[in-house]
Structure formats: C-alpha cells, structure tokens
Amino acid sequence: MEEQAKTRIHPLLAGAAVAVIIAAGVAVAAITGYLPGSNAEMAPTDKSSAPQASRPAPQRQHLAAAKPAESRQHVAAVCHDCGVIMEVKEVEVLGKGSGMGAIAGGVGGAVLGHEIGDGSRAGTAVGAVVGAVAGHQIERKAREHKKYEITVRMNDGSTKAITDETSEQISWKSGDKVRVGTDGVIRPI
C-alpha cells in the first residue's frame, strides 16, 4: 500500500483565514454598534441616574441673559448649589471587552499556533491563549473613550467632583459660574 502524504495548509492560506476571521469579527461589532464610530443605532440608555455634566440648554441661556444683572448677583449670593469651576480634566478610559475580541483572537491564534507548531497540540493551545489575550486588549483599545473630571468649588467653600462620560466635548472651563443640580447636572448661572 502506498503511504498517504500528510497534507498541510499553506501559511498564506492560514494568514488569509485569520484575516477573514478578524474582518468578520469587526463587521459583527460594527453592525451591532459595539465598534466606536460605527453608524449602527444603539438603544437609548437612561443617563439620568448617573451624575454627569451636560451642556447648557439654549433656553436657559436665553432666559438667564434676559434677567437684570443685579438679580443674578442676588441669586448667586443665596444659592446653596452654585459654585465656580476650578478644573476640567480630560482622562482616557479603556473600553470594556465584550468577549468578541478574545474569541476572534483565540481562534486566529489557534490556527497560527497549529501551523507554526507543526500541528502540535501545545502550539495550538499556546497560540489560542496568546491570540485571546491580544484580541481582548485590541478590543479594549478600540473601545477607548474620554471622560471629563470637573471640580467645582461651591459658594459654601466645599468642592464637588463631577464626572462626565458622555464622550462629548464639553464647553466648561475654569472660572465658569455654574449651578450643580442634585442629579449632578451642571447648568450655567
């Protein structure tokens, strides 16, 4: 009997398979809205429970501008929830992994580990672990966003720290006079 030759997958074919797996993972993330910057519509989230800074409503600015200057000074003198912004700090926050990056990386790593390790189980296992870790970290970096830490000195001398994670550029700067609501929303005076 003739001995059958063991067939191996060509390295370029293995690389193409990994590229297809990664592209499919990215496509699924973009379609489901997990990829930052994708145009998929996400379900609305209730942001009223978390304290956050918000942009001033145009109506409030218009009404505040219509009041005489002396009444604004009087309101600021007796306002217990008013203060001055001391500092606005921008902080980069790593995103949370959904597991899709780890799965895609694990599969791709297993395929490459199998090929590099000459078909051994150890090479496949090591490739899967390394690929999963790398895929998870890549996913977290792709979901990275900015948050703003705002420090407000209140009229009574105390300070409040407010965090805004809406990822929108905020218009507040040091020295702005604001009112901090009980829900943590910042409004102009």
N, C-alpha and C. Protein backbone atom coordinates (compact mmCIF):
# COMPACT_ATOMS: atom_id res chain seq x y z
N MET A 1 0.82 -1.19 0.00
CA MET A 1 0.00 0.00 0.00
C MET A 1 0.86 1.25 0.00
N GLU A 2 0.34 2.20 -0.68
CA GLU A 2 1.05 3.47 -0.72
C GLU A 2 0.72 4.28 0.52
N GLU A 3 1.74 4.90 1.03
CA GLU A 3 1.52 5.75 2.20
C GLU A 3 0.95 7.08 1.74
N GLN A 4 -0.11 7.49 2.40
CA GLN A 4 -0.74 8.76 2.02
C GLN A 4 0.09 9.90 2.58
N ALA A 5 0.30 10.90 1.76
CA ALA A 5 1.07 12.07 2.18
C ALA A 5 0.21 12.95 3.08
N LYS A 6 0.82 13.38 4.16
CA LYS A 6 0.11 14.27 5.09
C LYS A 6 0.01 15.66 4.46
N THR A 7 -1.20 16.16 4.32
CA THR A 7 -1.38 17.47 3.70
C THR A 7 -1.36 18.54 4.77
N ARG A 8 -0.70 19.61 4.45
CA ARG A 8 -0.62 20.75 5.37
C ARG A 8 -1.18 21.97 4.67
N ILE A 9 -1.72 22.85 5.45
CA ILE A 9 -2.25 24.09 4.89
C ILE A 9 -1.10 25.06 4.66
N HIS A 10 -1.15 25.74 3.57
CA HIS A 10 -0.09 26.69 3.21
C HIS A 10 -0.15 27.89 4.16
N PRO A 11 0.98 28.45 4.58
CA PRO A 11 0.98 29.59 5.51
C PRO A 11 0.21 30.80 4.99
N LEU A 12 0.25 31.05 3.70
CA LEU A 12 -0.51 32.18 3.16
C LEU A 12 -2.01 31.94 3.29
N LEU A 13 -2.43 30.69 3.13
CA LEU A 13 -3.84 30.35 3.29
C LEU A 13 -4.26 30.50 4.75
N ALA A 14 -3.38 30.12 5.66
CA ALA A 14 -3.67 30.29 7.09
C ALA A 14 -3.79 31.77 7.43
N GLY A 15 -2.89 32.59 6.89
CA GLY A 15 -2.96 34.03 7.13
C GLY A 15 -4.24 34.64 6.58
N ALA A 16 -4.65 34.17 5.41
CA ALA A 16 -5.90 34.66 4.83
C ALA A 16 -7.09 34.26 5.68
N ALA A 17 -7.05 33.05 6.25
CA ALA A 17 -8.14 32.60 7.11
C ALA A 17 -8.24 33.46 8.36
N VAL A 18 -7.10 33.79 8.93
CA VAL A 18 -7.09 34.66 10.12
C VAL A 18 -7.63 36.04 9.76
N ALA A 19 -7.24 36.57 8.62
CA ALA A 19 -7.71 37.89 8.21
C ALA A 19 -9.23 37.89 8.02
N VAL A 20 -9.77 36.82 7.45
CA VAL A 20 -11.22 36.72 7.26
C VAL A 20 -11.93 36.65 8.61
N ILE A 21 -11.36 35.90 9.55
CA ILE A 21 -11.97 35.79 10.88
C ILE A 21 -11.98 37.15 11.58
N ILE A 22 -10.88 37.86 11.52
CA ILE A 22 -10.80 39.18 12.16
C ILE A 22 -11.75 40.15 11.47
N ALA A 23 -11.79 40.14 10.15
CA ALA A 23 -12.70 41.03 9.42
C ALA A 23 -14.15 40.73 9.76
N ALA A 24 -14.49 39.46 9.91
CA ALA A 24 -15.86 39.09 10.28
C ALA A 24 -16.18 39.58 11.68
N GLY A 25 -15.22 39.47 12.59
CA GLY A 25 -15.44 39.97 13.95
C GLY A 25 -15.66 41.47 13.99
N VAL A 26 -14.86 42.20 13.23
CA VAL A 26 -15.01 43.65 13.17
C VAL A 26 -16.35 44.02 12.53
N ALA A 27 -16.74 43.29 11.49
CA ALA A 27 -18.02 43.57 10.84
C ALA A 27 -19.18 43.34 11.79
N VAL A 28 -19.13 42.25 12.55
CA VAL A 28 -20.20 41.98 13.52
C VAL A 28 -20.24 43.08 14.57
N ALA A 29 -19.07 43.52 15.05
CA ALA A 29 -19.02 44.59 16.05
C ALA A 29 -19.57 45.89 15.48
N ALA A 30 -19.29 46.20 14.22
CA ALA A 30 -19.79 47.43 13.61
C ALA A 30 -21.30 47.37 13.41
N ILE A 31 -21.79 46.23 12.99
CA ILE A 31 -23.23 46.10 12.74
C ILE A 31 -24.02 46.18 14.04
N THR A 32 -23.50 45.56 15.10
CA THR A 32 -24.22 45.56 16.38
C THR A 32 -24.01 46.85 17.17
N GLY A 33 -23.10 47.72 16.72
CA GLY A 33 -22.91 49.01 17.38
C GLY A 33 -21.86 48.99 18.47
N TYR A 34 -21.13 47.89 18.62
CA TYR A 34 -20.09 47.82 19.64
C TYR A 34 -18.80 48.49 19.22
N LEU A 35 -18.62 48.73 17.96
CA LEU A 35 -17.41 49.36 17.45
C LEU A 35 -17.58 50.87 17.53
N PRO A 36 -16.66 51.59 18.21
CA PRO A 36 -16.81 53.04 18.30
C PRO A 36 -16.77 53.67 16.92
N GLY A 37 -17.62 54.63 16.70
CA GLY A 37 -17.65 55.35 15.45
C GLY A 37 -18.50 54.68 14.38
N SER A 38 -19.12 53.55 14.69
CA SER A 38 -19.97 52.91 13.68
C SER A 38 -21.30 53.65 13.61
N ASN A 39 -22.00 53.50 12.52
CA ASN A 39 -23.27 54.20 12.31
C ASN A 39 -24.47 53.38 12.76
N ALA A 40 -24.24 52.27 13.44
CA ALA A 40 -25.35 51.46 13.93
C ALA A 40 -26.07 52.22 15.03
N GLU A 41 -27.38 52.11 15.08
CA GLU A 41 -28.15 52.80 16.11
C GLU A 41 -28.28 51.92 17.33
N MET A 42 -27.91 52.46 18.47
CA MET A 42 -28.00 51.73 19.73
C MET A 42 -29.31 52.09 20.41
N ALA A 43 -29.77 51.22 21.28
CA ALA A 43 -30.97 51.50 22.05
C ALA A 43 -30.68 52.66 22.99
N PRO A 44 -31.63 53.56 23.21
CA PRO A 44 -31.37 54.70 24.10
C PRO A 44 -31.13 54.22 25.52
N THR A 45 -30.16 54.85 26.19
CA THR A 45 -29.87 54.50 27.57
C THR A 45 -30.34 55.61 28.47
N ASP A 46 -30.70 55.24 29.69
CA ASP A 46 -31.17 56.21 30.66
C ASP A 46 -29.97 56.75 31.40
N LYS A 47 -29.59 57.98 31.12
CA LYS A 47 -28.42 58.58 31.73
C LYS A 47 -28.78 59.47 32.92
N SER A 48 -30.04 59.48 33.30
CA SER A 48 -30.45 60.37 34.39
C SER A 48 -29.99 59.85 35.74
N SER A 49 -29.70 58.54 35.88
CA SER A 49 -29.32 58.00 37.18
C SER A 49 -27.86 58.29 37.51
N ALA A 50 -27.00 58.46 36.52
CA ALA A 50 -25.59 58.72 36.76
C ALA A 50 -25.33 60.22 36.78
N PRO A 51 -24.54 60.70 37.78
CA PRO A 51 -24.23 62.13 37.78
C PRO A 51 -23.33 62.45 36.59
N GLN A 52 -23.67 63.53 35.92
CA GLN A 52 -22.89 63.90 34.76
C GLN A 52 -23.06 65.38 34.50
N ALA A 53 -22.11 65.91 33.79
CA ALA A 53 -22.19 67.31 33.37
C ALA A 53 -22.85 67.33 32.01
N SER A 54 -23.69 68.31 31.81
CA SER A 54 -24.33 68.40 30.50
C SER A 54 -24.12 69.78 29.93
N ARG A 55 -24.33 69.88 28.67
CA ARG A 55 -24.23 71.18 28.02
C ARG A 55 -25.42 72.02 28.43
N PRO A 56 -25.22 73.30 28.55
CA PRO A 56 -26.34 74.15 28.93
C PRO A 56 -27.41 74.16 27.84
N ALA A 57 -28.65 74.14 28.28
CA ALA A 57 -29.76 74.19 27.34
C ALA A 57 -29.87 75.60 26.77
N PRO A 58 -30.10 75.72 25.48
CA PRO A 58 -30.17 77.05 24.88
C PRO A 58 -31.27 77.91 25.50
N GLN A 59 -32.37 77.30 25.93
CA GLN A 59 -33.46 78.08 26.52
C GLN A 59 -33.00 78.72 27.82
N ARG A 60 -32.27 77.99 28.63
CA ARG A 60 -31.83 78.52 29.91
C ARG A 60 -30.85 79.68 29.70
N GLN A 61 -29.97 79.57 28.73
CA GLN A 61 -29.03 80.66 28.48
C GLN A 61 -29.79 81.91 28.06
N HIS A 62 -30.80 81.74 27.24
CA HIS A 62 -31.57 82.87 26.76
C HIS A 62 -32.32 83.54 27.93
N LEU A 63 -32.90 82.74 28.82
CA LEU A 63 -33.62 83.31 29.95
C LEU A 63 -32.67 83.99 30.93
N ALA A 64 -31.50 83.39 31.15
CA ALA A 64 -30.55 83.98 32.07
C ALA A 64 -30.03 85.31 31.54
N ALA A 65 -29.87 85.43 30.25
CA ALA A 65 -29.38 86.67 29.67
C ALA A 65 -30.42 87.78 29.75
N ALA A 66 -31.71 87.40 29.84
CA ALA A 66 -32.77 88.39 29.87
C ALA A 66 -32.92 89.01 31.26
N LYS A 67 -32.39 88.39 32.33
CA LYS A 67 -32.54 88.92 33.69
C LYS A 67 -31.60 90.10 33.89
N PRO A 68 -31.99 91.04 34.72
CA PRO A 68 -31.09 92.15 35.04
C PRO A 68 -29.88 91.65 35.82
N ALA A 69 -28.77 92.40 35.74
CA ALA A 69 -27.52 91.99 36.36
C ALA A 69 -27.64 91.91 37.88
N GLU A 70 -28.38 92.84 38.51
CA GLU A 70 -28.44 92.82 39.97
C GLU A 70 -29.20 91.61 40.49
N SER A 71 -30.18 91.09 39.77
CA SER A 71 -30.91 89.92 40.26
C SER A 71 -30.04 88.67 40.14
N ARG A 72 -29.15 88.61 39.15
CA ARG A 72 -28.24 87.47 39.05
C ARG A 72 -27.25 87.48 40.22
N GLN A 73 -26.78 88.65 40.62
CA GLN A 73 -25.87 88.73 41.75
C GLN A 73 -26.58 88.33 43.03
N HIS A 74 -27.83 88.70 43.17
CA HIS A 74 -28.58 88.36 44.37
C HIS A 74 -28.82 86.85 44.44
N VAL A 75 -29.12 86.23 43.32
CA VAL A 75 -29.35 84.78 43.29
C VAL A 75 -28.06 84.05 43.65
N ALA A 76 -26.92 84.50 43.15
CA ALA A 76 -25.65 83.85 43.44
C ALA A 76 -25.29 83.95 44.91
N ALA A 77 -25.69 85.02 45.58
CA ALA A 77 -25.35 85.20 46.98
C ALA A 77 -26.09 84.21 47.88
N VAL A 78 -27.31 83.84 47.55
CA VAL A 78 -28.09 82.94 48.39
C VAL A 78 -28.18 81.54 47.80
N CYS A 79 -27.54 81.30 46.72
CA CYS A 79 -27.61 80.00 46.04
C CYS A 79 -26.70 78.99 46.75
N HIS A 80 -27.29 77.92 47.29
CA HIS A 80 -26.51 76.91 48.01
C HIS A 80 -25.92 75.85 47.08
N ASP A 81 -26.47 75.74 45.87
CA ASP A 81 -25.95 74.74 44.93
C ASP A 81 -25.20 75.39 43.76
N CYS A 82 -24.69 76.61 43.99
CA CYS A 82 -23.93 77.33 42.96
C CYS A 82 -22.45 77.30 43.31
N GLY A 83 -21.62 77.47 42.28
CA GLY A 83 -20.19 77.48 42.50
C GLY A 83 -19.44 77.91 41.26
N VAL A 84 -18.12 77.74 41.31
CA VAL A 84 -17.23 78.12 40.22
C VAL A 84 -16.41 76.90 39.83
N ILE A 85 -16.30 76.66 38.54
CA ILE A 85 -15.50 75.53 38.07
C ILE A 85 -14.03 75.84 38.32
N MET A 86 -13.37 74.94 39.02
CA MET A 86 -11.95 75.11 39.33
C MET A 86 -11.06 74.42 38.29
N GLU A 87 -11.47 73.22 37.85
CA GLU A 87 -10.63 72.45 36.95
C GLU A 87 -11.49 71.51 36.10
N VAL A 88 -11.11 71.37 34.84
CA VAL A 88 -11.71 70.40 33.94
C VAL A 88 -10.57 69.55 33.40
N LYS A 89 -10.60 68.25 33.73
CA LYS A 89 -9.52 67.35 33.34
C LYS A 89 -10.06 66.28 32.39
N GLU A 90 -9.37 66.09 31.27
CA GLU A 90 -9.74 65.07 30.29
C GLU A 90 -8.94 63.80 30.59
N VAL A 91 -9.64 62.65 30.71
CA VAL A 91 -8.99 61.38 31.05
C VAL A 91 -9.37 60.33 30.01
N GLU A 92 -8.39 59.57 29.53
CA GLU A 92 -8.64 58.47 28.60
C GLU A 92 -9.05 57.23 29.41
N VAL A 93 -10.11 56.56 29.01
CA VAL A 93 -10.61 55.37 29.71
C VAL A 93 -10.63 54.21 28.72
N LEU A 94 -9.98 53.10 29.10
CA LEU A 94 -10.03 51.91 28.25
C LEU A 94 -11.44 51.36 28.25
N GLY A 95 -11.88 50.86 27.11
CA GLY A 95 -13.22 50.30 26.99
C GLY A 95 -13.30 48.93 27.64
N LYS A 96 -14.53 48.44 27.74
CA LYS A 96 -14.76 47.12 28.29
C LYS A 96 -14.87 46.13 27.14
N GLY A 97 -14.28 44.96 27.34
CA GLY A 97 -14.33 43.93 26.32
C GLY A 97 -15.64 43.16 26.39
N SER A 98 -16.19 42.82 25.24
CA SER A 98 -17.43 42.04 25.20
C SER A 98 -17.15 40.56 25.03
N GLY A 99 -15.90 40.20 24.79
CA GLY A 99 -15.54 38.81 24.56
C GLY A 99 -15.35 38.48 23.10
N MET A 100 -15.88 39.32 22.22
CA MET A 100 -15.75 39.05 20.78
C MET A 100 -14.29 39.13 20.34
N GLY A 101 -13.54 40.08 20.88
CA GLY A 101 -12.14 40.21 20.53
C GLY A 101 -11.34 39.01 21.01
N ALA A 102 -11.63 38.53 22.23
CA ALA A 102 -10.93 37.38 22.76
C ALA A 102 -11.24 36.12 21.95
N ILE A 103 -12.49 35.96 21.57
CA ILE A 103 -12.88 34.78 20.78
C ILE A 103 -12.19 34.81 19.41
N ALA A 104 -12.29 35.95 18.72
CA ALA A 104 -11.67 36.05 17.40
C ALA A 104 -10.16 35.88 17.49
N GLY A 105 -9.55 36.49 18.49
CA GLY A 105 -8.11 36.36 18.67
C GLY A 105 -7.70 34.94 19.03
N GLY A 106 -8.51 34.28 19.85
CA GLY A 106 -8.22 32.90 20.23
C GLY A 106 -8.28 31.95 19.05
N VAL A 107 -9.30 32.12 18.21
CA VAL A 107 -9.42 31.27 17.03
C VAL A 107 -8.25 31.53 16.07
N GLY A 108 -7.98 32.79 15.81
CA GLY A 108 -6.87 33.13 14.92
C GLY A 108 -5.54 32.65 15.47
N GLY A 109 -5.34 32.81 16.77
CA GLY A 109 -4.10 32.35 17.40
C GLY A 109 -3.96 30.84 17.37
N ALA A 110 -5.08 30.14 17.53
CA ALA A 110 -5.04 28.67 17.47
C ALA A 110 -4.65 28.20 16.07
N VAL A 111 -5.21 28.85 15.06
CA VAL A 111 -4.86 28.47 13.68
C VAL A 111 -3.38 28.71 13.42
N LEU A 112 -2.90 29.89 13.80
CA LEU A 112 -1.47 30.20 13.58
C LEU A 112 -0.57 29.31 14.44
N GLY A 113 -0.96 29.06 15.68
CA GLY A 113 -0.16 28.20 16.56
C GLY A 113 -0.09 26.78 16.05
N HIS A 114 -1.18 26.31 15.47
CA HIS A 114 -1.20 24.97 14.89
C HIS A 114 -0.24 24.87 13.72
N GLU A 115 -0.22 25.92 12.89
CA GLU A 115 0.66 25.91 11.73
C GLU A 115 2.12 26.09 12.12
N ILE A 116 2.37 27.00 13.04
CA ILE A 116 3.76 27.26 13.44
C ILE A 116 4.30 26.10 14.25
N GLY A 117 3.47 25.49 15.08
CA GLY A 117 3.91 24.38 15.93
C GLY A 117 3.89 23.05 15.23
N ASP A 118 3.88 23.00 13.91
CA ASP A 118 3.87 21.77 13.12
C ASP A 118 2.73 20.83 13.52
N GLY A 119 1.58 21.39 13.82
CA GLY A 119 0.40 20.58 14.11
C GLY A 119 0.33 20.07 15.53
N SER A 120 1.20 20.51 16.40
CA SER A 120 1.18 20.01 17.78
C SER A 120 0.07 20.67 18.58
N ARG A 121 -0.42 19.96 19.55
CA ARG A 121 -1.48 20.50 20.41
C ARG A 121 -0.96 21.63 21.29
N ALA A 122 0.29 21.52 21.70
CA ALA A 122 0.88 22.58 22.53
C ALA A 122 0.94 23.88 21.76
N GLY A 123 1.36 23.84 20.51
CA GLY A 123 1.43 25.04 19.69
C GLY A 123 0.05 25.65 19.48
N THR A 124 -0.94 24.78 19.28
CA THR A 124 -2.31 25.26 19.11
C THR A 124 -2.82 25.93 20.38
N ALA A 125 -2.56 25.30 21.53
CA ALA A 125 -3.03 25.85 22.82
C ALA A 125 -2.35 27.18 23.13
N VAL A 126 -1.04 27.24 22.94
CA VAL A 126 -0.32 28.49 23.20
C VAL A 126 -0.79 29.58 22.26
N GLY A 127 -0.97 29.26 20.99
CA GLY A 127 -1.47 30.24 20.03
C GLY A 127 -2.85 30.75 20.39
N ALA A 128 -3.72 29.85 20.87
CA ALA A 128 -5.07 30.26 21.25
C ALA A 128 -5.04 31.21 22.44
N VAL A 129 -4.22 30.91 23.44
CA VAL A 129 -4.14 31.76 24.63
C VAL A 129 -3.57 33.13 24.27
N VAL A 130 -2.47 33.15 23.54
CA VAL A 130 -1.85 34.42 23.16
C VAL A 130 -2.80 35.23 22.28
N GLY A 131 -3.46 34.57 21.34
CA GLY A 131 -4.41 35.26 20.47
C GLY A 131 -5.59 35.83 21.23
N ALA A 132 -6.09 35.07 22.21
CA ALA A 132 -7.23 35.55 23.00
C ALA A 132 -6.86 36.79 23.82
N VAL A 133 -5.69 36.76 24.44
CA VAL A 133 -5.24 37.92 25.22
C VAL A 133 -5.05 39.12 24.31
N ALA A 134 -4.41 38.91 23.18
CA ALA A 134 -4.17 40.02 22.25
C ALA A 134 -5.49 40.56 21.69
N GLY A 135 -6.41 39.68 21.35
CA GLY A 135 -7.71 40.11 20.82
C GLY A 135 -8.50 40.92 21.85
N HIS A 136 -8.42 40.49 23.11
CA HIS A 136 -9.13 41.22 24.18
C HIS A 136 -8.56 42.63 24.34
N GLN A 137 -7.23 42.74 24.35
CA GLN A 137 -6.61 44.05 24.51
C GLN A 137 -6.87 44.95 23.31
N ILE A 138 -6.88 44.39 22.12
CA ILE A 138 -7.18 45.19 20.93
C ILE A 138 -8.61 45.70 20.99
N GLU A 139 -9.54 44.86 21.44
CA GLU A 139 -10.94 45.29 21.56
C GLU A 139 -11.08 46.40 22.60
N ARG A 140 -10.40 46.27 23.74
CA ARG A 140 -10.48 47.32 24.77
C ARG A 140 -9.93 48.64 24.25
N LYS A 141 -8.83 48.59 23.50
CA LYS A 141 -8.23 49.81 22.95
C LYS A 141 -9.15 50.44 21.90
N ALA A 142 -9.84 49.59 21.12
CA ALA A 142 -10.76 50.11 20.11
C ALA A 142 -11.97 50.78 20.75
N ARG A 143 -12.34 50.38 21.95
CA ARG A 143 -13.50 50.96 22.64
C ARG A 143 -13.10 52.08 23.61
N GLU A 144 -11.88 52.52 23.54
CA GLU A 144 -11.39 53.57 24.42
C GLU A 144 -12.20 54.86 24.21
N HIS A 145 -12.48 55.57 25.29
CA HIS A 145 -13.22 56.83 25.19
C HIS A 145 -12.67 57.82 26.22
N LYS A 146 -13.14 59.04 26.13
CA LYS A 146 -12.70 60.10 27.04
C LYS A 146 -13.78 60.36 28.08
N LYS A 147 -13.33 60.72 29.28
CA LYS A 147 -14.25 61.21 30.29
C LYS A 147 -13.66 62.49 30.85
N TYR A 148 -14.53 63.31 31.40
CA TYR A 148 -14.10 64.59 31.93
C TYR A 148 -14.37 64.62 33.43
N GLU A 149 -13.34 64.97 34.20
CA GLU A 149 -13.47 65.13 35.64
C GLU A 149 -13.50 66.62 35.92
N ILE A 150 -14.62 67.09 36.46
CA ILE A 150 -14.85 68.51 36.68
C ILE A 150 -14.88 68.77 38.19
N THR A 151 -14.05 69.71 38.64
CA THR A 151 -14.02 70.09 40.05
C THR A 151 -14.69 71.45 40.20
N VAL A 152 -15.71 71.52 41.07
CA VAL A 152 -16.45 72.76 41.27
C VAL A 152 -16.30 73.17 42.74
N ARG A 153 -15.89 74.44 42.96
CA ARG A 153 -15.85 74.98 44.32
C ARG A 153 -17.19 75.66 44.56
N MET A 154 -17.90 75.15 45.54
CA MET A 154 -19.24 75.65 45.83
C MET A 154 -19.14 76.96 46.62
N ASN A 155 -20.24 77.72 46.68
CA ASN A 155 -20.25 79.01 47.38
C ASN A 155 -19.98 78.86 48.87
N ASP A 156 -20.30 77.70 49.45
CA ASP A 156 -20.06 77.49 50.89
C ASP A 156 -18.62 77.07 51.18
N GLY A 157 -17.76 76.98 50.15
CA GLY A 157 -16.35 76.65 50.33
C GLY A 157 -16.03 75.19 50.07
N SER A 158 -17.01 74.33 50.00
CA SER A 158 -16.76 72.91 49.73
C SER A 158 -16.48 72.71 48.24
N THR A 159 -15.99 71.52 47.90
CA THR A 159 -15.74 71.20 46.50
C THR A 159 -16.53 69.95 46.12
N LYS A 160 -16.95 69.90 44.87
CA LYS A 160 -17.64 68.74 44.34
C LYS A 160 -16.89 68.27 43.11
N ALA A 161 -16.75 66.94 43.01
CA ALA A 161 -16.12 66.34 41.84
C ALA A 161 -17.21 65.67 41.02
N ILE A 162 -17.32 66.06 39.76
CA ILE A 162 -18.35 65.54 38.88
C ILE A 162 -17.66 64.90 37.68
N THR A 163 -18.15 63.74 37.27
CA THR A 163 -17.58 63.02 36.14
C THR A 163 -18.59 62.99 35.00
N ASP A 164 -18.11 63.33 33.80
CA ASP A 164 -18.94 63.29 32.60
C ASP A 164 -18.34 62.27 31.65
N GLU A 165 -19.06 61.17 31.38
CA GLU A 165 -18.57 60.14 30.47
C GLU A 165 -19.41 60.05 29.21
N THR A 166 -19.97 61.17 28.77
CA THR A 166 -20.80 61.14 27.57
C THR A 166 -19.96 61.15 26.30
N SER A 167 -18.65 61.30 26.42
CA SER A 167 -17.71 61.32 25.29
C SER A 167 -17.91 62.51 24.37
N GLU A 168 -18.68 63.49 24.80
CA GLU A 168 -18.86 64.70 24.01
C GLU A 168 -17.90 65.76 24.52
N GLN A 169 -17.40 66.58 23.64
CA GLN A 169 -16.54 67.68 24.04
C GLN A 169 -17.36 68.63 24.89
N ILE A 170 -16.88 68.99 26.07
CA ILE A 170 -17.64 69.88 26.93
C ILE A 170 -17.15 71.31 26.76
N SER A 171 -18.04 72.24 27.06
CA SER A 171 -17.72 73.64 26.84
C SER A 171 -17.32 74.35 28.14
N TRP A 172 -17.32 73.65 29.27
CA TRP A 172 -16.98 74.29 30.54
C TRP A 172 -15.49 74.51 30.63
N LYS A 173 -15.12 75.62 31.29
CA LYS A 173 -13.70 75.90 31.51
C LYS A 173 -13.55 76.48 32.91
N SER A 174 -12.35 76.54 33.37
CA SER A 174 -12.05 77.04 34.71
C SER A 174 -12.54 78.50 34.84
N GLY A 175 -13.24 78.79 35.92
CA GLY A 175 -13.75 80.14 36.17
C GLY A 175 -15.21 80.32 35.82
N ASP A 176 -15.84 79.38 35.13
CA ASP A 176 -17.26 79.48 34.79
C ASP A 176 -18.10 79.34 36.05
N LYS A 177 -19.11 80.21 36.19
CA LYS A 177 -20.03 80.14 37.32
C LYS A 177 -21.18 79.23 36.94
N VAL A 178 -21.44 78.24 37.79
CA VAL A 178 -22.42 77.21 37.46
C VAL A 178 -23.30 76.88 38.66
N ARG A 179 -24.36 76.17 38.37
CA ARG A 179 -25.25 75.61 39.39
C ARG A 179 -25.22 74.09 39.22
N VAL A 180 -24.95 73.38 40.31
CA VAL A 180 -24.89 71.92 40.27
C VAL A 180 -26.18 71.38 40.85
N GLY A 181 -26.96 70.69 40.04
CA GLY A 181 -28.21 70.11 40.49
C GLY A 181 -27.99 68.90 41.37
N THR A 182 -29.04 68.45 42.04
CA THR A 182 -28.93 67.27 42.91
C THR A 182 -28.63 66.02 42.09
N ASP A 183 -28.97 66.03 40.80
CA ASP A 183 -28.69 64.90 39.92
C ASP A 183 -27.28 64.95 39.33
N GLY A 184 -26.48 65.98 39.68
CA GLY A 184 -25.11 66.10 39.21
C GLY A 184 -24.98 66.82 37.88
N VAL A 185 -26.07 67.37 37.35
CA VAL A 185 -26.02 68.08 36.08
C VAL A 185 -25.60 69.51 36.32
N ILE A 186 -24.66 69.98 35.51
CA ILE A 186 -24.13 71.34 35.65
C ILE A 186 -24.89 72.25 34.69
N ARG A 187 -25.34 73.40 35.22
CA ARG A 187 -26.04 74.39 34.41
C ARG A 187 -25.40 75.76 34.63
N PRO A 188 -25.46 76.62 33.64
CA PRO A 188 -24.84 77.96 33.80
C PRO A 188 -25.70 78.83 34.72
N ILE A 189 -25.04 79.82 35.30
CA ILE A 189 -25.78 80.82 36.10
C ILE A 189 -26.01 82.02 35.23
